[in-house]
Structures are given as structure tokens and as C-alpha cells.
């Protein structure tokens, strides 16, 4: 479960960083939104390097599934739009795929 927490923290950092740019550009807010956004994106990149995966591509694939689920949580909790059943089904499939990639037995 420590791996999942790591990927979730990375996802939240990436989502916030991108959201800060979204706020600045799409909602015409202060350019100062970019500072915490950039810091958050740097934290995302650092956290992803802490992945237990044996290769960067595998870490990115695992992260992708967690990112999708976390994005739907952001949609609901921050943007106030409840995910529908198809959103949840898709996220569950992505998390299943991420779990298979993460915990699959691998030969040395």
C-alpha cells in the first residue's frame, strides 16, 4: 500500500500543478498561481522517481492508472462534478491494470 500512497501523492501534485496553470490561463487569475503550480509539478516528478518499479516506463504505466482515478476524485471534490458510473468503471479498470503491472511476478 505504500506504493499506492506514493503514486496518489504524485497524482495530486501533478493535478494541482496543472490545475494552477488552468486557473491562470482559462480563468484569467493571477500569474502568481504559476509559482505553486511549478513547485507542485516538481514535487510530482520527484515523487515518481521514488517508485518501486524497476523501470521508468513501468512506473509511468502504473502511475497512469492511479492518475485517472485521482483525477475523477479531483473532478468531484474540487470541481463539484460527480463522476458517473462509466467514469468509475473506467477508473476501476485502470486501477486493476496498474495493480497487475505493479504486483505481477517478474523473473529476475
Foldseek 3Di string as FASTA:
>chain_A
DVLLVLLLLLLVLQVQLVVLVCCCPVVVDDPVSNVSSVVSNVVSVVSLVVHPDPDSVLSVLLSVLSNLVSVQVCCCPPVPDHDDPVSVVVSVVSNVVSCCSRPPDDDD
